[in-house]
All heavy atoms as atom14 arrays in JSON, in Angstrom:
{
  "sequence": "LIKGDVAAIQRSVAADAASMKWLSTGMVVLVAGGVVCFVALATLWR",
  "atom14_mask": [
    [1, 1, 1, 1, 1, 1, 1, 1, 0, 0, 0, 0, 0, 0],
    [1, 1, 1, 1, 1, 1, 1, 1, 0, 0, 0, 0, 0, 0],
    [1, 1, 1, 1, 1, 1, 1, 1, 1, 0, 0, 0, 0, 0],
    [1, 1, 1, 1, 0, 0, 0, 0, 0, 0, 0, 0, 0, 0],
    [1, 1, 1, 1, 1, 1, 1, 1, 0, 0, 0, 0, 0, 0],
    [1, 1, 1, 1, 1, 1, 1, 0, 0, 0, 0, 0, 0, 0],
    [1, 1, 1, 1, 1, 0, 0, 0, 0, 0, 0, 0, 0, 0],
    [1, 1, 1, 1, 1, 0, 0, 0, 0, 0, 0, 0, 0, 0],
    [1, 1, 1, 1, 1, 1, 1, 1, 0, 0, 0, 0, 0, 0],
    [1, 1, 1, 1, 1, 1, 1, 1, 1, 0, 0, 0, 0, 0],
    [1, 1, 1, 1, 1, 1, 1, 1, 1, 1, 1, 0, 0, 0],
    [1, 1, 1, 1, 1, 1, 0, 0, 0, 0, 0, 0, 0, 0],
    [1, 1, 1, 1, 1, 1, 1, 0, 0, 0, 0, 0, 0, 0],
    [1, 1, 1, 1, 1, 0, 0, 0, 0, 0, 0, 0, 0, 0],
    [1, 1, 1, 1, 1, 0, 0, 0, 0, 0, 0, 0, 0, 0],
    [1, 1, 1, 1, 1, 1, 1, 1, 0, 0, 0, 0, 0, 0],
    [1, 1, 1, 1, 1, 0, 0, 0, 0, 0, 0, 0, 0, 0],
    [1, 1, 1, 1, 1, 0, 0, 0, 0, 0, 0, 0, 0, 0],
    [1, 1, 1, 1, 1, 1, 0, 0, 0, 0, 0, 0, 0, 0],
    [1, 1, 1, 1, 1, 1, 1, 1, 0, 0, 0, 0, 0, 0],
    [1, 1, 1, 1, 1, 1, 1, 1, 1, 0, 0, 0, 0, 0],
    [1, 1, 1, 1, 1, 1, 1, 1, 1, 1, 1, 1, 1, 1],
    [1, 1, 1, 1, 1, 1, 1, 1, 0, 0, 0, 0, 0, 0],
    [1, 1, 1, 1, 1, 1, 0, 0, 0, 0, 0, 0, 0, 0],
    [1, 1, 1, 1, 1, 1, 1, 0, 0, 0, 0, 0, 0, 0],
    [1, 1, 1, 1, 0, 0, 0, 0, 0, 0, 0, 0, 0, 0],
    [1, 1, 1, 1, 1, 1, 1, 1, 0, 0, 0, 0, 0, 0],
    [1, 1, 1, 1, 1, 1, 1, 0, 0, 0, 0, 0, 0, 0],
    [1, 1, 1, 1, 1, 1, 1, 0, 0, 0, 0, 0, 0, 0],
    [1, 1, 1, 1, 1, 1, 1, 1, 0, 0, 0, 0, 0, 0],
    [1, 1, 1, 1, 1, 1, 1, 0, 0, 0, 0, 0, 0, 0],
    [1, 1, 1, 1, 1, 0, 0, 0, 0, 0, 0, 0, 0, 0],
    [1, 1, 1, 1, 0, 0, 0, 0, 0, 0, 0, 0, 0, 0],
    [1, 1, 1, 1, 0, 0, 0, 0, 0, 0, 0, 0, 0, 0],
    [1, 1, 1, 1, 1, 1, 1, 0, 0, 0, 0, 0, 0, 0],
    [1, 1, 1, 1, 1, 1, 1, 0, 0, 0, 0, 0, 0, 0],
    [1, 1, 1, 1, 1, 1, 0, 0, 0, 0, 0, 0, 0, 0],
    [1, 1, 1, 1, 1, 1, 1, 1, 1, 1, 1, 0, 0, 0],
    [1, 1, 1, 1, 1, 1, 1, 0, 0, 0, 0, 0, 0, 0],
    [1, 1, 1, 1, 1, 0, 0, 0, 0, 0, 0, 0, 0, 0],
    [1, 1, 1, 1, 1, 1, 1, 1, 0, 0, 0, 0, 0, 0],
    [1, 1, 1, 1, 1, 0, 0, 0, 0, 0, 0, 0, 0, 0],
    [1, 1, 1, 1, 1, 1, 1, 0, 0, 0, 0, 0, 0, 0],
    [1, 1, 1, 1, 1, 1, 1, 1, 0, 0, 0, 0, 0, 0],
    [1, 1, 1, 1, 1, 1, 1, 1, 1, 1, 1, 1, 1, 1],
    [1, 1, 1, 1, 1, 1, 1, 1, 1, 1, 1, 0, 0, 0]
  ],
  "atom14_positions": [
    [[126.18, 22.23, 173.27], [126.22, 22.45, 171.86], [125.86, 21.22, 170.94], [125.04, 21.36, 170.07], [127.7, 22.82, 171.41], [127.88, 23.35, 170.08], [126.96, 24.56, 169.67], [129.27, 23.72, 169.75], [0.0, 0.0, 0.0], [0.0, 0.0, 0.0], [0.0, 0.0, 0.0], [0.0, 0.0, 0.0], [0.0, 0.0, 0.0], [0.0, 0.0, 0.0]],
    [[126.31, 20.04, 171.35], [126.2, 18.96, 170.46], [124.94, 18.0, 170.97], [124.32, 17.34, 170.09], [127.5, 18.0, 170.46], [127.87, 17.61, 171.82], [128.52, 18.81, 169.79], [129.33, 16.67, 171.81], [0.0, 0.0, 0.0], [0.0, 0.0, 0.0], [0.0, 0.0, 0.0], [0.0, 0.0, 0.0], [0.0, 0.0, 0.0], [0.0, 0.0, 0.0]],
    [[124.71, 17.88, 172.26], [123.56, 17.12, 172.75], [123.36, 15.79, 172.08], [122.4, 15.49, 171.4], [122.24, 18.04, 172.5], [122.07, 19.13, 173.36], [120.8, 19.89, 173.39], [120.8, 20.99, 174.31], [119.55, 21.83, 174.3], [0.0, 0.0, 0.0], [0.0, 0.0, 0.0], [0.0, 0.0, 0.0], [0.0, 0.0, 0.0], [0.0, 0.0, 0.0]],
    [[124.42, 14.92, 172.26], [124.31, 13.67, 171.79], [124.73, 13.3, 170.38], [124.63, 12.24, 169.82], [0.0, 0.0, 0.0], [0.0, 0.0, 0.0], [0.0, 0.0, 0.0], [0.0, 0.0, 0.0], [0.0, 0.0, 0.0], [0.0, 0.0, 0.0], [0.0, 0.0, 0.0], [0.0, 0.0, 0.0], [0.0, 0.0, 0.0], [0.0, 0.0, 0.0]],
    [[125.15, 14.42, 169.72], [125.52, 14.27, 168.23], [126.92, 13.75, 168.16], [127.4, 13.63, 166.93], [125.34, 15.51, 167.48], [123.85, 15.81, 167.25], [123.03, 14.88, 167.24], [123.35, 17.07, 167.14], [0.0, 0.0, 0.0], [0.0, 0.0, 0.0], [0.0, 0.0, 0.0], [0.0, 0.0, 0.0], [0.0, 0.0, 0.0], [0.0, 0.0, 0.0]],
    [[127.77, 13.66, 169.16], [129.04, 13.37, 168.99], [129.37, 12.14, 168.2], [130.33, 12.08, 167.41], [129.75, 13.36, 170.38], [130.6, 12.15, 170.75], [130.88, 14.52, 170.58], [0.0, 0.0, 0.0], [0.0, 0.0, 0.0], [0.0, 0.0, 0.0], [0.0, 0.0, 0.0], [0.0, 0.0, 0.0], [0.0, 0.0, 0.0], [0.0, 0.0, 0.0]],
    [[128.73, 10.94, 168.48], [128.92, 9.7, 167.77], [128.76, 9.93, 166.35], [129.53, 9.38, 165.42], [128.04, 8.73, 168.35], [0.0, 0.0, 0.0], [0.0, 0.0, 0.0], [0.0, 0.0, 0.0], [0.0, 0.0, 0.0], [0.0, 0.0, 0.0], [0.0, 0.0, 0.0], [0.0, 0.0, 0.0], [0.0, 0.0, 0.0], [0.0, 0.0, 0.0]],
    [[127.66, 10.63, 165.99], [127.51, 10.79, 164.39], [128.53, 11.61, 163.86], [129.16, 11.41, 162.66], [126.13, 11.65, 164.22], [0.0, 0.0, 0.0], [0.0, 0.0, 0.0], [0.0, 0.0, 0.0], [0.0, 0.0, 0.0], [0.0, 0.0, 0.0], [0.0, 0.0, 0.0], [0.0, 0.0, 0.0], [0.0, 0.0, 0.0], [0.0, 0.0, 0.0]],
    [[129.05, 12.58, 164.53], [130.12, 13.45, 164.04], [131.41, 12.58, 163.86], [132.03, 12.76, 162.75], [130.33, 14.55, 164.97], [129.21, 15.58, 164.98], [131.71, 15.43, 164.51], [129.24, 16.68, 166.09], [0.0, 0.0, 0.0], [0.0, 0.0, 0.0], [0.0, 0.0, 0.0], [0.0, 0.0, 0.0], [0.0, 0.0, 0.0], [0.0, 0.0, 0.0]],
    [[131.87, 11.83, 164.87], [133.02, 11.04, 164.74], [132.9, 10.07, 163.55], [133.81, 9.79, 162.92], [133.19, 10.35, 166.12], [133.55, 11.25, 167.14], [133.86, 10.74, 168.54], [133.13, 9.64, 168.69], [134.56, 11.2, 169.4], [0.0, 0.0, 0.0], [0.0, 0.0, 0.0], [0.0, 0.0, 0.0], [0.0, 0.0, 0.0], [0.0, 0.0, 0.0]],
    [[131.69, 9.4, 163.49], [131.57, 8.43, 162.38], [131.67, 9.26, 161.1], [132.3, 8.58, 160.1], [130.17, 7.79, 162.45], [130.04, 6.77, 163.6], [128.78, 5.87, 163.37], [127.58, 6.64, 163.35], [126.89, 6.98, 164.46], [127.27, 6.43, 165.6], [125.73, 7.66, 164.34], [0.0, 0.0, 0.0], [0.0, 0.0, 0.0], [0.0, 0.0, 0.0]],
    [[131.12, 10.38, 160.91], [131.24, 11.07, 159.54], [132.67, 11.44, 159.39], [133.12, 11.28, 158.11], [130.45, 12.35, 159.71], [130.52, 13.19, 158.58], [0.0, 0.0, 0.0], [0.0, 0.0, 0.0], [0.0, 0.0, 0.0], [0.0, 0.0, 0.0], [0.0, 0.0, 0.0], [0.0, 0.0, 0.0], [0.0, 0.0, 0.0], [0.0, 0.0, 0.0]],
    [[133.41, 11.99, 160.26], [134.75, 12.38, 160.0], [135.69, 11.11, 159.68], [136.46, 11.12, 158.69], [135.31, 13.09, 161.29], [136.81, 13.28, 161.08], [134.68, 14.37, 161.49], [0.0, 0.0, 0.0], [0.0, 0.0, 0.0], [0.0, 0.0, 0.0], [0.0, 0.0, 0.0], [0.0, 0.0, 0.0], [0.0, 0.0, 0.0], [0.0, 0.0, 0.0]],
    [[135.41, 10.03, 160.31], [136.26, 8.75, 160.12], [135.96, 8.27, 158.72], [136.81, 7.9, 157.94], [136.04, 7.84, 161.17], [0.0, 0.0, 0.0], [0.0, 0.0, 0.0], [0.0, 0.0, 0.0], [0.0, 0.0, 0.0], [0.0, 0.0, 0.0], [0.0, 0.0, 0.0], [0.0, 0.0, 0.0], [0.0, 0.0, 0.0], [0.0, 0.0, 0.0]],
    [[134.62, 8.3, 158.19], [134.3, 7.89, 156.99], [134.87, 8.73, 155.91], [135.36, 8.18, 154.87], [132.73, 7.93, 156.86], [0.0, 0.0, 0.0], [0.0, 0.0, 0.0], [0.0, 0.0, 0.0], [0.0, 0.0, 0.0], [0.0, 0.0, 0.0], [0.0, 0.0, 0.0], [0.0, 0.0, 0.0], [0.0, 0.0, 0.0], [0.0, 0.0, 0.0]],
    [[134.85, 10.06, 156.0], [135.43, 11.04, 155.1], [136.86, 10.74, 154.96], [137.41, 10.8, 153.94], [135.07, 12.4, 155.47], [133.61, 12.8, 155.12], [132.96, 12.17, 154.4], [133.11, 13.83, 155.64], [0.0, 0.0, 0.0], [0.0, 0.0, 0.0], [0.0, 0.0, 0.0], [0.0, 0.0, 0.0], [0.0, 0.0, 0.0], [0.0, 0.0, 0.0]],
    [[137.59, 10.57, 156.13], [139.05, 10.4, 156.07], [139.35, 9.14, 155.23], [140.27, 9.08, 154.44], [139.59, 10.26, 157.59], [0.0, 0.0, 0.0], [0.0, 0.0, 0.0], [0.0, 0.0, 0.0], [0.0, 0.0, 0.0], [0.0, 0.0, 0.0], [0.0, 0.0, 0.0], [0.0, 0.0, 0.0], [0.0, 0.0, 0.0], [0.0, 0.0, 0.0]],
    [[138.56, 8.04, 155.61], [138.83, 6.77, 154.8], [138.65, 6.92, 153.28], [139.36, 6.47, 152.43], [137.99, 5.72, 155.47], [0.0, 0.0, 0.0], [0.0, 0.0, 0.0], [0.0, 0.0, 0.0], [0.0, 0.0, 0.0], [0.0, 0.0, 0.0], [0.0, 0.0, 0.0], [0.0, 0.0, 0.0], [0.0, 0.0, 0.0], [0.0, 0.0, 0.0]],
    [[137.51, 7.68, 152.94], [137.07, 7.89, 151.55], [138.22, 8.68, 150.85], [138.61, 8.42, 149.65], [135.75, 8.61, 151.45], [134.76, 7.86, 151.97], [0.0, 0.0, 0.0], [0.0, 0.0, 0.0], [0.0, 0.0, 0.0], [0.0, 0.0, 0.0], [0.0, 0.0, 0.0], [0.0, 0.0, 0.0], [0.0, 0.0, 0.0], [0.0, 0.0, 0.0]],
    [[138.84, 9.66, 151.47], [139.76, 10.46, 151.03], [141.09, 9.85, 150.61], [141.64, 9.93, 149.7], [140.02, 11.75, 151.91], [140.91, 12.77, 151.39], [140.76, 14.22, 152.44], [142.09, 15.27, 151.69], [0.0, 0.0, 0.0], [0.0, 0.0, 0.0], [0.0, 0.0, 0.0], [0.0, 0.0, 0.0], [0.0, 0.0, 0.0], [0.0, 0.0, 0.0]],
    [[141.34, 8.97, 151.58], [142.58, 8.06, 151.38], [142.32, 7.17, 150.08], [143.23, 6.99, 149.1], [142.8, 7.03, 152.6], [143.46, 7.84, 153.71], [143.59, 6.75, 154.92], [144.19, 7.56, 156.2], [144.39, 6.71, 157.32], [0.0, 0.0, 0.0], [0.0, 0.0, 0.0], [0.0, 0.0, 0.0], [0.0, 0.0, 0.0], [0.0, 0.0, 0.0]],
    [[141.22, 6.55, 150.02], [141.02, 5.6, 148.84], [140.89, 6.41, 147.57], [141.36, 5.99, 146.46], [139.57, 4.85, 149.04], [139.74, 3.66, 150.05], [139.49, 3.58, 151.33], [140.49, 2.4, 149.62], [139.66, 2.37, 151.81], [140.31, 1.64, 150.93], [141.04, 1.92, 148.56], [140.91, 0.33, 150.88], [141.49, 0.73, 148.61], [141.47, -0.19, 149.77]],
    [[140.3, 7.55, 147.58], [140.14, 8.37, 146.43], [141.52, 8.88, 145.91], [141.81, 8.96, 144.69], [139.2, 9.52, 146.6], [137.75, 9.18, 146.66], [136.92, 10.34, 147.36], [137.19, 8.81, 145.31], [0.0, 0.0, 0.0], [0.0, 0.0, 0.0], [0.0, 0.0, 0.0], [0.0, 0.0, 0.0], [0.0, 0.0, 0.0], [0.0, 0.0, 0.0]],
    [[142.34, 9.31, 146.95], [143.72, 9.76, 146.51], [144.44, 8.69, 145.95], [145.26, 8.92, 144.93], [144.39, 10.35, 147.77], [143.65, 11.36, 148.37], [0.0, 0.0, 0.0], [0.0, 0.0, 0.0], [0.0, 0.0, 0.0], [0.0, 0.0, 0.0], [0.0, 0.0, 0.0], [0.0, 0.0, 0.0], [0.0, 0.0, 0.0], [0.0, 0.0, 0.0]],
    [[144.55, 7.41, 146.52], [145.24, 6.31, 146.0], [144.69, 6.06, 144.58], [145.47, 5.67, 143.63], [145.09, 5.07, 146.81], [145.72, 5.38, 148.16], [145.92, 3.94, 146.38], [0.0, 0.0, 0.0], [0.0, 0.0, 0.0], [0.0, 0.0, 0.0], [0.0, 0.0, 0.0], [0.0, 0.0, 0.0], [0.0, 0.0, 0.0], [0.0, 0.0, 0.0]],
    [[143.41, 5.93, 144.53], [142.78, 5.51, 143.11], [143.17, 6.65, 142.1], [143.39, 6.18, 140.99], [0.0, 0.0, 0.0], [0.0, 0.0, 0.0], [0.0, 0.0, 0.0], [0.0, 0.0, 0.0], [0.0, 0.0, 0.0], [0.0, 0.0, 0.0], [0.0, 0.0, 0.0], [0.0, 0.0, 0.0], [0.0, 0.0, 0.0], [0.0, 0.0, 0.0]],
    [[143.18, 7.83, 142.42], [143.59, 8.83, 141.44], [144.97, 8.65, 140.96], [145.16, 8.65, 139.68], [143.48, 10.3, 142.15], [144.05, 11.47, 141.34], [143.74, 12.96, 142.29], [144.95, 12.76, 143.69], [0.0, 0.0, 0.0], [0.0, 0.0, 0.0], [0.0, 0.0, 0.0], [0.0, 0.0, 0.0], [0.0, 0.0, 0.0], [0.0, 0.0, 0.0]],
    [[145.81, 8.3, 141.81], [147.26, 8.1, 141.22], [147.31, 6.84, 140.53], [147.99, 6.72, 139.46], [148.18, 7.85, 142.53], [149.58, 7.54, 142.12], [148.36, 9.28, 143.33], [0.0, 0.0, 0.0], [0.0, 0.0, 0.0], [0.0, 0.0, 0.0], [0.0, 0.0, 0.0], [0.0, 0.0, 0.0], [0.0, 0.0, 0.0], [0.0, 0.0, 0.0]],
    [[146.65, 5.78, 140.96], [146.72, 4.44, 140.25], [146.09, 4.69, 138.78], [146.54, 4.13, 137.82], [145.99, 3.33, 141.1], [145.72, 2.06, 140.2], [146.76, 3.03, 142.34], [0.0, 0.0, 0.0], [0.0, 0.0, 0.0], [0.0, 0.0, 0.0], [0.0, 0.0, 0.0], [0.0, 0.0, 0.0], [0.0, 0.0, 0.0], [0.0, 0.0, 0.0]],
    [[144.99, 5.41, 138.76], [144.36, 5.4, 137.45], [145.09, 6.34, 136.41], [145.4, 5.78, 135.3], [142.96, 6.21, 137.7], [141.89, 5.43, 138.22], [140.69, 6.35, 138.66], [141.2, 4.37, 137.24], [0.0, 0.0, 0.0], [0.0, 0.0, 0.0], [0.0, 0.0, 0.0], [0.0, 0.0, 0.0], [0.0, 0.0, 0.0], [0.0, 0.0, 0.0]],
    [[145.69, 7.39, 136.89], [146.57, 8.1, 136.12], [147.85, 7.37, 135.56], [148.27, 7.37, 134.47], [146.96, 9.6, 136.63], [148.05, 10.23, 135.69], [145.79, 10.4, 136.83], [0.0, 0.0, 0.0], [0.0, 0.0, 0.0], [0.0, 0.0, 0.0], [0.0, 0.0, 0.0], [0.0, 0.0, 0.0], [0.0, 0.0, 0.0], [0.0, 0.0, 0.0]],
    [[148.42, 6.69, 136.56], [149.69, 5.82, 136.15], [149.19, 4.72, 135.29], [149.9, 4.37, 134.31], [150.21, 5.3, 137.44], [0.0, 0.0, 0.0], [0.0, 0.0, 0.0], [0.0, 0.0, 0.0], [0.0, 0.0, 0.0], [0.0, 0.0, 0.0], [0.0, 0.0, 0.0], [0.0, 0.0, 0.0], [0.0, 0.0, 0.0], [0.0, 0.0, 0.0]],
    [[148.04, 4.11, 135.55], [147.5, 3.18, 134.64], [147.36, 3.57, 133.21], [147.52, 2.75, 132.2], [0.0, 0.0, 0.0], [0.0, 0.0, 0.0], [0.0, 0.0, 0.0], [0.0, 0.0, 0.0], [0.0, 0.0, 0.0], [0.0, 0.0, 0.0], [0.0, 0.0, 0.0], [0.0, 0.0, 0.0], [0.0, 0.0, 0.0], [0.0, 0.0, 0.0]],
    [[146.73, 4.78, 133.1], [146.58, 5.33, 131.7], [147.85, 5.55, 131.01], [147.89, 5.23, 129.8], [0.0, 0.0, 0.0], [0.0, 0.0, 0.0], [0.0, 0.0, 0.0], [0.0, 0.0, 0.0], [0.0, 0.0, 0.0], [0.0, 0.0, 0.0], [0.0, 0.0, 0.0], [0.0, 0.0, 0.0], [0.0, 0.0, 0.0], [0.0, 0.0, 0.0]],
    [[148.96, 6.04, 131.61], [150.26, 6.15, 131.0], [150.79, 4.88, 130.53], [151.23, 4.68, 129.48], [151.22, 6.84, 131.96], [152.68, 6.93, 131.43], [150.73, 8.15, 132.28], [0.0, 0.0, 0.0], [0.0, 0.0, 0.0], [0.0, 0.0, 0.0], [0.0, 0.0, 0.0], [0.0, 0.0, 0.0], [0.0, 0.0, 0.0], [0.0, 0.0, 0.0]],
    [[150.78, 3.9, 131.5], [151.12, 2.48, 131.16], [150.5, 1.87, 129.92], [151.08, 1.3, 129.02], [151.01, 1.59, 132.27], [151.45, 0.03, 131.92], [151.92, 2.0, 133.56], [0.0, 0.0, 0.0], [0.0, 0.0, 0.0], [0.0, 0.0, 0.0], [0.0, 0.0, 0.0], [0.0, 0.0, 0.0], [0.0, 0.0, 0.0], [0.0, 0.0, 0.0]],
    [[149.17, 2.02, 129.94], [148.4, 1.4, 128.74], [148.77, 2.17, 127.49], [149.0, 1.48, 126.47], [146.85, 1.7, 129.07], [146.09, 0.65, 130.19], [0.0, 0.0, 0.0], [0.0, 0.0, 0.0], [0.0, 0.0, 0.0], [0.0, 0.0, 0.0], [0.0, 0.0, 0.0], [0.0, 0.0, 0.0], [0.0, 0.0, 0.0], [0.0, 0.0, 0.0]],
    [[149.01, 3.47, 127.54], [149.35, 4.23, 126.26], [150.69, 3.71, 125.82], [150.77, 3.52, 124.57], [149.32, 5.79, 126.55], [149.8, 6.5, 125.35], [149.01, 6.76, 124.23], [151.21, 7.03, 125.33], [149.44, 7.43, 123.13], [151.59, 7.66, 124.28], [150.64, 7.95, 123.11], [0.0, 0.0, 0.0], [0.0, 0.0, 0.0], [0.0, 0.0, 0.0]],
    [[151.68, 3.72, 126.66], [152.95, 3.36, 126.28], [153.13, 1.86, 125.8], [153.6, 1.74, 124.67], [154.0, 3.42, 127.44], [155.38, 2.91, 127.15], [154.12, 4.92, 127.96], [0.0, 0.0, 0.0], [0.0, 0.0, 0.0], [0.0, 0.0, 0.0], [0.0, 0.0, 0.0], [0.0, 0.0, 0.0], [0.0, 0.0, 0.0], [0.0, 0.0, 0.0]],
    [[152.31, 1.05, 126.44], [152.35, -0.36, 126.11], [151.77, -0.65, 124.75], [152.29, -1.27, 123.77], [151.62, -1.26, 127.15], [0.0, 0.0, 0.0], [0.0, 0.0, 0.0], [0.0, 0.0, 0.0], [0.0, 0.0, 0.0], [0.0, 0.0, 0.0], [0.0, 0.0, 0.0], [0.0, 0.0, 0.0], [0.0, 0.0, 0.0], [0.0, 0.0, 0.0]],
    [[150.58, -0.04, 124.44], [149.9, -0.21, 123.27], [150.51, 0.57, 122.03], [150.69, -0.04, 120.88], [148.41, 0.36, 123.38], [147.49, -0.52, 124.17], [146.24, 0.26, 124.43], [147.19, -1.89, 123.5], [0.0, 0.0, 0.0], [0.0, 0.0, 0.0], [0.0, 0.0, 0.0], [0.0, 0.0, 0.0], [0.0, 0.0, 0.0], [0.0, 0.0, 0.0]],
    [[151.09, 1.72, 122.33], [151.86, 2.41, 121.36], [153.04, 1.64, 120.95], [153.46, 1.85, 119.78], [152.15, 3.82, 121.82], [0.0, 0.0, 0.0], [0.0, 0.0, 0.0], [0.0, 0.0, 0.0], [0.0, 0.0, 0.0], [0.0, 0.0, 0.0], [0.0, 0.0, 0.0], [0.0, 0.0, 0.0], [0.0, 0.0, 0.0], [0.0, 0.0, 0.0]],
    [[153.66, 0.99, 121.92], [154.9, 0.25, 121.48], [154.6, -1.07, 120.76], [155.38, -1.36, 119.91], [155.67, -0.06, 122.86], [155.98, 1.2, 123.48], [156.97, -0.7, 122.53], [0.0, 0.0, 0.0], [0.0, 0.0, 0.0], [0.0, 0.0, 0.0], [0.0, 0.0, 0.0], [0.0, 0.0, 0.0], [0.0, 0.0, 0.0], [0.0, 0.0, 0.0]],
    [[153.6, -1.78, 121.26], [153.31, -3.14, 120.79], [152.52, -3.32, 119.63], [152.54, -4.23, 118.74], [152.93, -3.97, 121.95], [153.81, -4.18, 123.16], [153.12, -4.9, 124.3], [155.24, -4.73, 122.9], [0.0, 0.0, 0.0], [0.0, 0.0, 0.0], [0.0, 0.0, 0.0], [0.0, 0.0, 0.0], [0.0, 0.0, 0.0], [0.0, 0.0, 0.0]],
    [[151.52, -2.38, 119.44], [150.5, -2.42, 118.43], [150.78, -1.52, 117.43], [150.4, -0.31, 117.42], [149.05, -2.23, 119.2], [147.88, -2.7, 118.16], [148.1, -3.22, 116.86], [146.57, -2.43, 118.46], [146.85, -3.42, 116.32], [145.84, -3.08, 117.29], [145.96, -2.04, 119.41], [144.54, -3.03, 117.26], [144.48, -2.07, 119.41], [143.85, -2.54, 118.38]],
    [[151.5, -1.89, 116.34], [152.13, -1.06, 115.35], [151.26, -1.06, 114.09], [151.79, -0.53, 113.02], [153.57, -1.39, 115.04], [154.41, -1.35, 116.21], [154.47, -0.12, 116.96], [154.99, 1.05, 116.12], [154.83, 2.36, 116.57], [154.46, 2.75, 117.66], [155.31, 3.4, 115.69], [0.0, 0.0, 0.0], [0.0, 0.0, 0.0], [0.0, 0.0, 0.0]]
  ]
}
């Protein structure tokens, strides 16, 4: 079925798993950062 394609498949899956981890972390950090920026600016810059 695969005829030598296994290495390419494993690299693709590993790369996608790593990308998904980074994107998920970045998503949380960005939204949290937006909330912090809003609260800080609304509090301090009157």
